[in-house]
């Protein structure tokens, strides 16, 4: 039986994330960002998408402290939240370039040792490329303390 998982390889600045295609709602070329006060650098601001105010984060900034300042905000991946307890159904990640679509089977992946980190579930190689599977539950927990501020931006 074929167990292909349609996936996206999302290139950031120094990391490639591997996500199931269903995790990403939409890819945006750019967004008009409203900065927030008194938030960590990895929380880049909020923008309006459809009828939602979405937080835009630098995944690498959150995970590794790497913030690459850029006057251009895009491309952006709008991601489904996975936690039922979340008050907002989506968040967004700043990408380095547009994602690549890939059909993957489990045998295509080889586990790579990675010290335990709260932001990554696994690190694997896929066709000679090292990619990371992010821990979006951890990302959602990191966003939670700022939820009231994000909700205020929606008013």
C-alpha atoms as a PDB file:
ATOM      1  CA  UNK A   1       0.000   0.000   0.000  1.00  0.00           C
ATOM      2  CA  UNK A   2       1.320   3.423  -0.955  1.00  0.00           C
ATOM      3  CA  UNK A   3       1.809   5.791   1.992  1.00  0.00           C
ATOM      4  CA  UNK A   4       2.981   8.930   0.211  1.00  0.00           C
ATOM      5  CA  UNK A   5       2.665  12.090   2.256  1.00  0.00           C
ATOM      6  CA  UNK A   6       2.441  15.255   0.230  1.00  0.00           C
ATOM      7  CA  UNK A   7       4.808  17.596   2.009  1.00  0.00           C
ATOM      8  CA  UNK A   8       6.350  21.026   1.761  1.00  0.00           C
ATOM      9  CA  UNK A   9      10.028  21.786   2.198  1.00  0.00           C
ATOM     10  CA  UNK A  10      10.124  25.294   3.625  1.00  0.00           C
ATOM     11  CA  UNK A  11      13.500  26.986   3.378  1.00  0.00           C
ATOM     12  CA  UNK A  12      14.236  29.572   6.055  1.00  0.00           C
ATOM     13  CA  UNK A  13      17.610  31.309   6.382  1.00  0.00           C
ATOM     14  CA  UNK A  14      19.686  28.362   7.684  1.00  0.00           C
ATOM     15  CA  UNK A  15      17.117  25.600   8.191  1.00  0.00           C
ATOM     16  CA  UNK A  16      14.747  23.642   5.970  1.00  0.00           C
ATOM     17  CA  UNK A  17      11.471  22.627   7.620  1.00  0.00           C
ATOM     18  CA  UNK A  18       9.498  19.578   6.497  1.00  0.00           C
ATOM     19  CA  UNK A  19       5.724  19.930   6.898  1.00  0.00           C
ATOM     20  CA  UNK A  20       2.781  17.922   5.687  1.00  0.00           C
ATOM     21  CA  UNK A  21       1.045  19.855   2.931  1.00  0.00           C
ATOM     22  CA  UNK A  22      -2.135  19.992   5.039  1.00  0.00           C
ATOM     23  CA  UNK A  23      -0.365  22.026   7.750  1.00  0.00           C
ATOM     24  CA  UNK A  24       0.012  25.016   5.429  1.00  0.00           C
ATOM     25  CA  UNK A  25      -3.161  26.893   4.510  1.00  0.00           C
ATOM     26  CA  UNK A  26      -1.675  29.402   2.093  1.00  0.00           C
ATOM     27  CA  UNK A  27       1.598  30.867   0.851  1.00  0.00           C
ATOM     28  CA  UNK A  28       1.650  34.666   0.639  1.00  0.00           C
ATOM     29  CA  UNK A  29       4.193  36.648  -1.378  1.00  0.00           C
ATOM     30  CA  UNK A  30       4.350  39.372   1.286  1.00  0.00           C
ATOM     31  CA  UNK A  31       2.376  41.114   4.013  1.00  0.00           C
ATOM     32  CA  UNK A  32       1.991  44.587   5.436  1.00  0.00           C
ATOM     33  CA  UNK A  33       3.273  44.079   8.952  1.00  0.00           C
ATOM     34  CA  UNK A  34       2.251  45.971  12.077  1.00  0.00           C
ATOM     35  CA  UNK A  35       5.070  45.782  14.655  1.00  0.00           C
ATOM     36  CA  UNK A  36       4.268  45.009  18.291  1.00  0.00           C
ATOM     37  CA  UNK A  37       5.763  46.580  21.416  1.00  0.00           C
ATOM     38  CA  UNK A  38       7.249  44.586  24.289  1.00  0.00           C
ATOM     39  CA  UNK A  39       7.500  41.253  22.497  1.00  0.00           C
ATOM     40  CA  UNK A  40      10.542  39.089  21.737  1.00  0.00           C
ATOM     41  CA  UNK A  41      12.385  39.739  18.480  1.00  0.00           C
ATOM     42  CA  UNK A  42      11.179  36.452  16.969  1.00  0.00           C
ATOM     43  CA  UNK A  43       7.585  37.762  17.054  1.00  0.00           C
ATOM     44  CA  UNK A  44       7.913  40.067  14.058  1.00  0.00           C
ATOM     45  CA  UNK A  45       4.428  41.597  14.252  1.00  0.00           C
ATOM     46  CA  UNK A  46       0.889  40.996  13.018  1.00  0.00           C
ATOM     47  CA  UNK A  47      -0.793  41.287   9.652  1.00  0.00           C
ATOM     48  CA  UNK A  48      -4.313  40.924   8.331  1.00  0.00           C
ATOM     49  CA  UNK A  49      -5.135  37.788   6.372  1.00  0.00           C
ATOM     50  CA  UNK A  50      -8.743  37.266   5.359  1.00  0.00           C
ATOM     51  CA  UNK A  51     -10.583  38.365   8.531  1.00  0.00           C
ATOM     52  CA  UNK A  52      -7.798  37.328  10.927  1.00  0.00           C
ATOM     53  CA  UNK A  53      -4.925  39.212  12.531  1.00  0.00           C
ATOM     54  CA  UNK A  54      -2.078  36.717  12.367  1.00  0.00           C
ATOM     55  CA  UNK A  55       1.152  36.736  14.333  1.00  0.00           C
ATOM     56  CA  UNK A  56       4.189  36.480  12.055  1.00  0.00           C
ATOM     57  CA  UNK A  57       7.164  34.771  13.594  1.00  0.00           C
ATOM     58  CA  UNK A  58      10.715  34.052  12.674  1.00  0.00           C
ATOM     59  CA  UNK A  59      10.964  30.316  13.399  1.00  0.00           C
ATOM     60  CA  UNK A  60      14.752  30.500  13.449  1.00  0.00           C
ATOM     61  CA  UNK A  61      14.567  33.481  15.772  1.00  0.00           C
ATOM     62  CA  UNK A  62      12.445  31.476  18.176  1.00  0.00           C
ATOM     63  CA  UNK A  63      14.472  28.270  17.882  1.00  0.00           C
ATOM     64  CA  UNK A  64      18.015  29.562  17.494  1.00  0.00           C
ATOM     65  CA  UNK A  65      17.929  33.287  18.255  1.00  0.00           C
ATOM     66  CA  UNK A  66      18.800  34.033  14.602  1.00  0.00           C
ATOM     67  CA  UNK A  67      16.948  37.148  13.462  1.00  0.00           C
ATOM     68  CA  UNK A  68      17.827  38.410  10.026  1.00  0.00           C
ATOM     69  CA  UNK A  69      16.478  41.943   9.696  1.00  0.00           C
ATOM     70  CA  UNK A  70      14.878  42.599   6.361  1.00  0.00           C
ATOM     71  CA  UNK A  71      12.798  45.476   5.053  1.00  0.00           C
ATOM     72  CA  UNK A  72      10.942  42.961   2.884  1.00  0.00           C
ATOM     73  CA  UNK A  73       8.465  40.702   4.692  1.00  0.00           C
ATOM     74  CA  UNK A  74       7.781  37.683   2.522  1.00  0.00           C
ATOM     75  CA  UNK A  75       7.224  35.032   1.436  1.00  0.00           C
ATOM     76  CA  UNK A  76       5.039  33.831   4.293  1.00  0.00           C
ATOM     77  CA  UNK A  77       3.486  30.466   5.164  1.00  0.00           C
ATOM     78  CA  UNK A  78       0.100  30.625   6.910  1.00  0.00           C
ATOM     79  CA  UNK A  79      -0.009  27.551   9.153  1.00  0.00           C
ATOM     80  CA  UNK A  80      -2.912  25.736  10.820  1.00  0.00           C
ATOM     81  CA  UNK A  81      -2.648  25.593  14.583  1.00  0.00           C
ATOM     82  CA  UNK A  82      -2.817  22.068  15.943  1.00  0.00           C
ATOM     83  CA  UNK A  83      -3.821  22.736  19.538  1.00  0.00           C
ATOM     84  CA  UNK A  84      -7.538  22.563  20.275  1.00  0.00           C
ATOM     85  CA  UNK A  85      -6.964  24.956  23.179  1.00  0.00           C
ATOM     86  CA  UNK A  86      -5.643  27.691  20.900  1.00  0.00           C
ATOM     87  CA  UNK A  87      -7.817  30.792  20.648  1.00  0.00           C
ATOM     88  CA  UNK A  88      -6.661  31.580  17.138  1.00  0.00           C
ATOM     89  CA  UNK A  89      -6.700  29.008  14.324  1.00  0.00           C
ATOM     90  CA  UNK A  90      -3.592  30.189  12.422  1.00  0.00           C
ATOM     91  CA  UNK A  91      -0.120  31.698  12.726  1.00  0.00           C
ATOM     92  CA  UNK A  92       2.430  32.608  10.074  1.00  0.00           C
ATOM     93  CA  UNK A  93       6.114  31.870   9.498  1.00  0.00           C
ATOM     94  CA  UNK A  94       8.507  34.060   7.538  1.00  0.00           C
ATOM     95  CA  UNK A  95      10.249  31.977   4.867  1.00  0.00           C
ATOM     96  CA  UNK A  96      13.529  32.524   3.057  1.00  0.00           C
ATOM     97  CA  UNK A  97      12.061  31.491  -0.299  1.00  0.00           C
ATOM     98  CA  UNK A  98       9.023  29.735  -1.727  1.00  0.00           C
ATOM     99  CA  UNK A  99       8.480  26.131  -0.577  1.00  0.00           C
ATOM    100  CA  UNK A 100       9.033  22.990  -2.628  1.00  0.00           C
ATOM    101  CA  UNK A 101       6.263  20.395  -2.898  1.00  0.00           C
ATOM    102  CA  UNK A 102       7.432  16.812  -2.381  1.00  0.00           C
ATOM    103  CA  UNK A 103       5.750  13.405  -2.054  1.00  0.00           C
ATOM    104  CA  UNK A 104       7.516  11.490   0.688  1.00  0.00           C
ATOM    105  CA  UNK A 105       7.389   7.949   1.999  1.00  0.00           C
ATOM    106  CA  UNK A 106       8.730   7.015   5.425  1.00  0.00           C
ATOM    107  CA  UNK A 107      11.617   5.045   3.907  1.00  0.00           C
ATOM    108  CA  UNK A 108      12.771   8.258   2.151  1.00  0.00           C
ATOM    109  CA  UNK A 109      13.739   9.682   5.552  1.00  0.00           C
ATOM    110  CA  UNK A 110      16.812   8.824   7.605  1.00  0.00           C
ATOM    111  CA  UNK A 111      16.909   9.969  11.219  1.00  0.00           C
ATOM    112  CA  UNK A 112      19.816  12.235  12.169  1.00  0.00           C
ATOM    113  CA  UNK A 113      20.892  12.657  15.775  1.00  0.00           C
ATOM    114  CA  UNK A 114      19.820  15.998  17.166  1.00  0.00           C
ATOM    115  CA  UNK A 115      20.121  17.140  20.768  1.00  0.00           C
ATOM    116  CA  UNK A 116      16.678  17.488  22.310  1.00  0.00           C
ATOM    117  CA  UNK A 117      15.193  20.886  21.489  1.00  0.00           C
ATOM    118  CA  UNK A 118      11.719  22.243  22.228  1.00  0.00           C
ATOM    119  CA  UNK A 119      11.214  23.603  18.701  1.00  0.00           C
ATOM    120  CA  UNK A 120      12.080  20.520  16.647  1.00  0.00           C
ATOM    121  CA  UNK A 121      10.549  17.031  16.809  1.00  0.00           C
ATOM    122  CA  UNK A 122      13.110  15.352  14.560  1.00  0.00           C
ATOM    123  CA  UNK A 123      15.935  16.021  12.178  1.00  0.00           C
ATOM    124  CA  UNK A 124      16.137  13.792   9.113  1.00  0.00           C
ATOM    125  CA  UNK A 125      17.885  13.534   5.785  1.00  0.00           C
ATOM    126  CA  UNK A 126      15.829  13.491   2.634  1.00  0.00           C
ATOM    127  CA  UNK A 127      17.701  12.941  -0.634  1.00  0.00           C
ATOM    128  CA  UNK A 128      21.004  14.103   0.901  1.00  0.00           C
ATOM    129  CA  UNK A 129      19.437  17.229   2.435  1.00  0.00           C
ATOM    130  CA  UNK A 130      19.088  17.686   6.197  1.00  0.00           C
ATOM    131  CA  UNK A 131      15.612  18.886   7.137  1.00  0.00           C
ATOM    132  CA  UNK A 132      13.845  19.498  10.449  1.00  0.00           C
ATOM    133  CA  UNK A 133      10.351  18.561  11.504  1.00  0.00           C
ATOM    134  CA  UNK A 134       9.126  21.439  13.675  1.00  0.00           C
ATOM    135  CA  UNK A 135       7.281  21.133  16.966  1.00  0.00           C
ATOM    136  CA  UNK A 136       4.304  23.404  16.336  1.00  0.00           C
ATOM    137  CA  UNK A 137       2.789  22.564  19.730  1.00  0.00           C
ATOM    138  CA  UNK A 138       5.848  24.219  21.260  1.00  0.00           C
ATOM    139  CA  UNK A 139       5.502  27.209  18.917  1.00  0.00           C
ATOM    140  CA  UNK A 140       1.878  27.644  19.947  1.00  0.00           C
ATOM    141  CA  UNK A 141       2.889  27.538  23.626  1.00  0.00           C
ATOM    142  CA  UNK A 142       5.526  30.197  22.931  1.00  0.00           C
ATOM    143  CA  UNK A 143       2.873  32.420  21.307  1.00  0.00           C
ATOM    144  CA  UNK A 144       0.353  31.947  24.115  1.00  0.00           C
ATOM    145  CA  UNK A 145       1.756  34.609  26.534  1.00  0.00           C
ATOM    146  CA  UNK A 146       1.275  37.209  23.771  1.00  0.00           C
ATOM    147  CA  UNK A 147      -2.238  36.125  22.813  1.00  0.00           C
ATOM    148  CA  UNK A 148      -3.941  38.986  24.693  1.00  0.00           C
ATOM    149  CA  UNK A 149      -1.726  41.497  22.902  1.00  0.00           C
ATOM    150  CA  UNK A 150      -2.450  39.790  19.575  1.00  0.00           C
ATOM    151  CA  UNK A 151      -6.188  39.820  20.313  1.00  0.00           C
ATOM    152  CA  UNK A 152      -5.961  43.551  21.125  1.00  0.00           C
ATOM    153  CA  UNK A 153      -4.555  44.126  17.644  1.00  0.00           C
ATOM    154  CA  UNK A 154      -7.736  42.511  16.270  1.00  0.00           C
ATOM    155  CA  UNK A 155     -10.016  45.129  17.833  1.00  0.00           C
END
